Amino acid sequence: MMITKKRFFELYNRNSPLNKDRSVGEATNKLYRRNLAFEIAYILAGKGISANTVTVSYFLLAIVASLIFIYPSTLSLVLFILLYEVVYVLDCVDGQLARFHGTLSRFGDLLDVFSDLLTTALFPVVLGIRLFWMTGNNVFLMFACLGGLSFLYEGVWVQNSADILGSFSVENEETTTNRLRTILLMVDNLSVIALVILLLSLVSVNIFGLPLVGWFYICYVLGQFGLKVVLRYLIVLRKTIQAPKKKWKGWDKQNG
């Protein structure tokens, strides 16, 4: 017999009051995504749907949304925003199902991280292709490559950030680093970025031969490269300099 909704929330939802490390994430998660994800997770748990099934489903849905997004039209932008909201909700669902079914595993974590990174890395790529189709300017293809690489580089950070900066919860913002990470979570939202692009696309203004949305894309990619690659590399470099130094004693057995 399926447990009650209240008990499901207490035991398996990340936002449970019983979870001392609870973290609901960005503002949109607080507003509706987590609550909606909880309702969906409860229904799917009762039907025996696995967490990995949900992860693969939102991964495929994100791919479909990205392919639609390539086509330069207002309708494709609207469809992308709507589909990606479903993707974000399902991304919240799979963790609850994994906890409910007792299937938390390193494989499941990697599958979730891989799906997130690949789908987000696709966004600047398909947007660059979209702008290339709109303008015929090769500069957007160059920035598509740079944007995709920036997101993929983030994979190394995701796997090691806890070791570098410690565990992170947006409910615990007593440090400047945590405050900055909270802001980045709120800003780095593909649905929000796509909505900005939709609004800018309605403005018929060219600056130095490029549309306004094109300049926004260039600034967006450069910003992501600065945050995801340059800034994070500098943080690791600083931590490396501050790390205690050990003198190497050769390949001695007693020293390993």
Protein backbone atom coordinates (compact mmCIF):
# COMPACT_ATOMS: atom_id res chain seq x y z
CA MET A 1 0.00 0.00 0.00
CA MET A 2 1.29 3.45 -0.98
CA ILE A 3 2.23 5.79 1.87
CA THR A 4 0.43 9.11 2.33
CA LYS A 5 1.47 12.25 0.51
CA LYS A 6 2.51 13.88 3.78
CA ARG A 7 4.80 10.96 4.66
CA PHE A 8 6.22 10.84 1.14
CA PHE A 9 7.07 14.54 1.40
CA GLU A 10 8.74 14.11 4.79
CA LEU A 11 10.86 11.14 3.75
CA TYR A 12 11.80 11.64 0.11
CA ASN A 13 11.45 15.31 -0.83
CA ARG A 14 14.62 17.41 -0.70
CA ASN A 15 12.56 20.26 0.73
CA SER A 16 11.40 18.12 3.66
CA PRO A 17 11.67 19.81 7.07
CA LEU A 18 13.43 16.63 8.22
CA ASN A 19 16.30 17.29 5.80
CA LYS A 20 18.95 19.37 7.61
CA ASP A 21 20.69 20.09 4.28
CA ARG A 22 17.52 20.98 2.42
CA SER A 23 17.92 23.14 -0.65
CA VAL A 24 15.15 24.14 -3.05
CA GLY A 25 17.49 25.86 -5.49
CA GLU A 26 16.67 28.89 -7.58
CA ALA A 27 13.68 31.20 -7.26
CA THR A 28 11.56 29.37 -9.85
CA ASN A 29 12.03 26.13 -7.89
CA LYS A 30 10.75 27.85 -4.76
CA LEU A 31 7.77 29.31 -6.60
CA TYR A 32 6.34 26.23 -8.31
CA ARG A 33 8.78 23.62 -9.65
CA ARG A 34 9.45 21.77 -6.41
CA ASN A 35 5.77 21.64 -5.46
CA LEU A 36 4.76 20.44 -8.91
CA ALA A 37 7.61 17.91 -8.96
CA PHE A 38 6.46 16.53 -5.62
CA GLU A 39 2.95 15.87 -6.95
CA ILE A 40 4.32 14.14 -10.06
CA ALA A 41 6.86 12.13 -8.07
CA TYR A 42 4.16 10.87 -5.72
CA ILE A 43 2.01 9.67 -8.64
CA LEU A 44 4.96 8.00 -10.44
CA ALA A 45 6.17 6.36 -7.22
CA GLY A 46 2.77 4.71 -6.84
CA LYS A 47 3.06 3.35 -10.37
CA GLY A 48 6.56 1.97 -9.82
CA ILE A 49 8.30 4.28 -12.33
CA SER A 50 12.07 4.34 -11.73
CA ALA A 51 14.23 7.43 -11.28
CA ASN A 52 16.48 6.49 -14.21
CA THR A 53 13.43 6.25 -16.48
CA VAL A 54 12.53 9.83 -15.59
CA THR A 55 16.14 10.99 -16.08
CA VAL A 56 16.33 9.47 -19.56
CA SER A 57 12.88 10.89 -20.38
CA TYR A 58 13.80 14.47 -19.52
CA PHE A 59 17.12 14.06 -21.32
CA LEU A 60 15.33 13.04 -24.54
CA LEU A 61 12.75 15.81 -24.08
CA ALA A 62 15.57 18.36 -23.72
CA ILE A 63 17.13 17.10 -26.96
CA VAL A 64 13.80 17.50 -28.76
CA ALA A 65 13.37 21.00 -27.31
CA SER A 66 16.88 21.96 -28.47
CA LEU A 67 16.25 20.69 -32.00
CA ILE A 68 13.01 22.70 -32.17
CA PHE A 69 14.87 25.75 -30.87
CA ILE A 70 17.26 25.74 -33.84
CA TYR A 71 14.46 26.79 -36.21
CA PRO A 72 14.32 30.63 -36.17
CA SER A 73 10.73 31.48 -35.30
CA THR A 74 8.75 32.88 -32.39
CA LEU A 75 6.80 29.62 -32.10
CA SER A 76 9.98 27.56 -31.66
CA LEU A 77 11.08 29.87 -28.83
CA VAL A 78 7.75 29.52 -27.04
CA LEU A 79 7.79 25.72 -27.46
CA PHE A 80 11.34 25.57 -26.13
CA ILE A 81 10.40 27.54 -23.00
CA LEU A 82 7.36 25.34 -22.33
CA LEU A 83 9.21 22.06 -22.94
CA TYR A 84 12.16 23.12 -20.83
CA GLU A 85 9.91 23.91 -17.91
CA VAL A 86 8.78 20.26 -18.09
CA VAL A 87 12.45 19.22 -18.24
CA TYR A 88 13.27 21.24 -15.10
CA VAL A 89 10.32 19.74 -13.21
CA LEU A 90 11.27 16.18 -14.18
CA ASP A 91 14.84 16.91 -13.11
CA CYS A 92 13.44 17.52 -9.63
CA VAL A 93 11.34 14.34 -9.77
CA ASP A 94 14.08 11.76 -10.39
CA GLY A 95 15.86 12.36 -7.08
CA GLN A 96 12.65 11.85 -5.09
CA LEU A 97 11.94 8.60 -6.93
CA ALA A 98 15.51 7.36 -6.36
CA ARG A 99 15.14 7.94 -2.62
CA PHE A 100 11.70 6.31 -2.56
CA HIS A 101 12.76 3.18 -4.47
CA GLY A 102 16.09 2.96 -2.63
CA THR A 103 18.01 3.15 -5.90
CA LEU A 104 20.41 5.98 -5.06
CA SER A 105 23.67 5.04 -6.73
CA ARG A 106 26.83 6.46 -8.23
CA PHE A 107 25.54 5.40 -11.65
CA GLY A 108 22.28 7.29 -11.12
CA ASP A 109 24.16 10.39 -10.00
CA LEU A 110 26.42 10.27 -13.06
CA LEU A 111 23.45 9.71 -15.37
CA ASP A 112 21.74 12.78 -13.91
CA VAL A 113 24.90 14.93 -14.12
CA PHE A 114 25.66 13.71 -17.66
CA SER A 115 22.10 14.48 -18.79
CA ASP A 116 22.13 17.95 -17.23
CA LEU A 117 25.52 18.90 -18.63
CA LEU A 118 24.90 17.65 -22.14
CA THR A 119 21.49 19.27 -22.48
CA THR A 120 22.68 22.62 -21.08
CA ALA A 121 25.79 22.50 -23.28
CA LEU A 122 23.50 22.10 -26.28
CA PHE A 123 21.74 25.40 -25.56
CA PRO A 124 24.51 27.82 -26.66
CA VAL A 125 25.29 25.52 -29.60
CA VAL A 126 21.75 25.44 -31.00
CA LEU A 127 21.28 29.16 -30.30
CA GLY A 128 24.46 29.90 -32.26
CA ILE A 129 23.22 27.77 -35.16
CA ARG A 130 19.83 29.52 -34.98
CA LEU A 131 21.48 32.95 -35.20
CA PHE A 132 23.72 31.76 -38.04
CA TRP A 133 20.64 30.70 -39.99
CA MET A 134 19.04 34.06 -39.27
CA THR A 135 22.05 36.22 -40.24
CA GLY A 136 24.48 34.03 -42.22
CA ASN A 137 27.27 35.35 -39.95
CA ASN A 138 29.95 32.74 -39.14
CA VAL A 139 30.84 34.49 -35.87
CA PHE A 140 27.84 32.82 -34.25
CA LEU A 141 29.18 29.36 -35.11
CA MET A 142 32.46 30.24 -33.39
CA PHE A 143 30.64 31.37 -30.28
CA ALA A 144 28.48 28.23 -30.42
CA CYS A 145 31.65 26.14 -30.00
CA LEU A 146 32.94 28.36 -27.19
CA GLY A 147 29.62 28.24 -25.35
CA GLY A 148 29.31 24.47 -25.63
CA LEU A 149 32.86 23.93 -24.35
CA SER A 150 32.21 26.24 -21.39
CA PHE A 151 29.27 24.14 -20.22
CA LEU A 152 31.11 20.85 -20.76
CA TYR A 153 34.07 22.16 -18.76
CA GLU A 154 31.61 22.67 -15.93
CA GLY A 155 31.41 18.88 -15.60
CA VAL A 156 34.86 18.80 -14.01
CA TRP A 157 33.77 21.49 -11.57
CA VAL A 158 30.51 19.72 -10.65
CA GLN A 159 32.42 16.56 -9.76
CA ASN A 160 35.00 18.38 -7.63
CA SER A 161 33.36 21.56 -6.30
CA ALA A 162 32.50 20.00 -2.93
CA ASP A 163 36.17 19.14 -2.40
CA ILE A 164 37.23 22.63 -3.49
CA LEU A 165 34.66 24.84 -1.74
CA GLY A 166 32.78 22.49 0.59
CA SER A 167 29.15 21.39 0.44
CA PHE A 168 26.65 23.96 -0.82
CA SER A 169 23.05 24.69 0.11
CA VAL A 170 21.18 27.81 -0.94
CA GLU A 171 19.47 27.74 2.44
CA ASN A 172 22.87 28.38 4.02
CA GLU A 173 24.10 31.72 2.68
CA GLU A 174 26.40 32.95 5.41
CA THR A 175 29.41 33.18 3.10
CA THR A 176 30.03 35.43 0.10
CA THR A 177 30.82 32.37 -2.04
CA ASN A 178 27.43 30.80 -1.27
CA ARG A 179 25.64 34.06 -2.01
CA LEU A 180 27.34 34.27 -5.40
CA ARG A 181 26.49 30.67 -6.19
CA THR A 182 22.84 31.32 -5.30
CA ILE A 183 22.71 34.28 -7.71
CA LEU A 184 24.29 32.17 -10.47
CA LEU A 185 21.67 29.44 -9.95
CA MET A 186 18.90 31.99 -10.38
CA VAL A 187 20.43 33.62 -13.46
CA ASP A 188 21.68 30.49 -15.24
CA ASN A 189 18.22 29.28 -16.21
CA LEU A 190 17.60 28.27 -19.82
CA SER A 191 13.89 29.08 -19.73
CA VAL A 192 14.63 32.59 -18.47
CA ILE A 193 17.40 33.10 -21.04
CA ALA A 194 15.08 31.88 -23.81
CA LEU A 195 12.37 34.30 -22.61
CA VAL A 196 14.88 37.20 -22.80
CA ILE A 197 15.82 36.07 -26.32
CA LEU A 198 12.13 36.00 -27.26
CA LEU A 199 11.67 39.60 -26.09
CA LEU A 200 14.86 40.79 -27.81
CA SER A 201 13.83 39.04 -31.05
CA LEU A 202 10.79 41.30 -31.20
CA VAL A 203 13.09 44.35 -31.34
CA SER A 204 14.23 45.07 -34.90
CA VAL A 205 17.49 46.85 -34.08
CA ASN A 206 20.90 46.20 -35.68
CA ILE A 207 24.13 47.37 -34.07
CA PHE A 208 27.26 47.19 -36.26
CA GLY A 209 25.46 44.79 -38.57
CA LEU A 210 24.30 42.35 -35.85
CA PRO A 211 20.80 42.09 -34.35
CA LEU A 212 20.29 42.97 -30.69
CA VAL A 213 19.68 39.32 -29.82
CA GLY A 214 23.01 38.48 -31.48
CA TRP A 215 24.88 40.89 -29.19
CA PHE A 216 23.06 39.43 -26.21
CA TYR A 217 24.17 35.95 -27.27
CA ILE A 218 27.81 37.05 -27.62
CA CYS A 219 27.74 38.64 -24.14
CA TYR A 220 26.00 35.55 -22.75
CA VAL A 221 28.65 33.16 -24.11
CA LEU A 222 31.53 35.38 -22.98
CA GLY A 223 29.94 35.65 -19.54
CA GLN A 224 29.51 31.88 -19.28
CA PHE A 225 33.10 31.32 -20.40
CA GLY A 226 34.33 33.82 -17.81
CA LEU A 227 32.32 32.23 -14.99
CA LYS A 228 32.52 28.56 -15.87
CA VAL A 229 36.11 28.42 -17.11
CA VAL A 230 38.24 31.45 -16.20
CA LEU A 231 36.83 32.24 -12.74
CA ARG A 232 36.69 28.61 -11.68
CA TYR A 233 40.22 27.97 -12.89
CA LEU A 234 41.42 30.96 -10.87
CA ILE A 235 39.62 29.63 -7.78
CA VAL A 236 41.31 26.25 -8.16
CA LEU A 237 44.65 27.97 -8.76
CA ARG A 238 44.26 30.02 -5.57
CA LYS A 239 43.32 26.90 -3.58
CA THR A 240 46.35 25.12 -5.02
CA ILE A 241 48.68 27.91 -3.90
CA GLN A 242 47.13 27.85 -0.42
CA ALA A 243 47.32 24.06 -0.10
CA PRO A 244 49.89 22.66 2.37
CA LYS A 245 53.06 21.52 0.64
CA LYS A 246 54.55 18.06 1.12
CA LYS A 247 58.11 17.19 0.27
CA TRP A 248 58.40 14.25 -2.08
CA LYS A 249 60.59 11.49 -0.62
CA GLY A 250 60.84 9.24 -3.63
CA TRP A 251 59.39 5.82 -4.34
CA ASP A 252 60.06 4.57 -0.84
CA LYS A 253 57.82 1.70 0.29
CA GLN A 254 57.06 3.26 3.65
CA ASN A 255 55.94 6.45 1.92
CA GLY A 256 53.68 4.70 -0.58
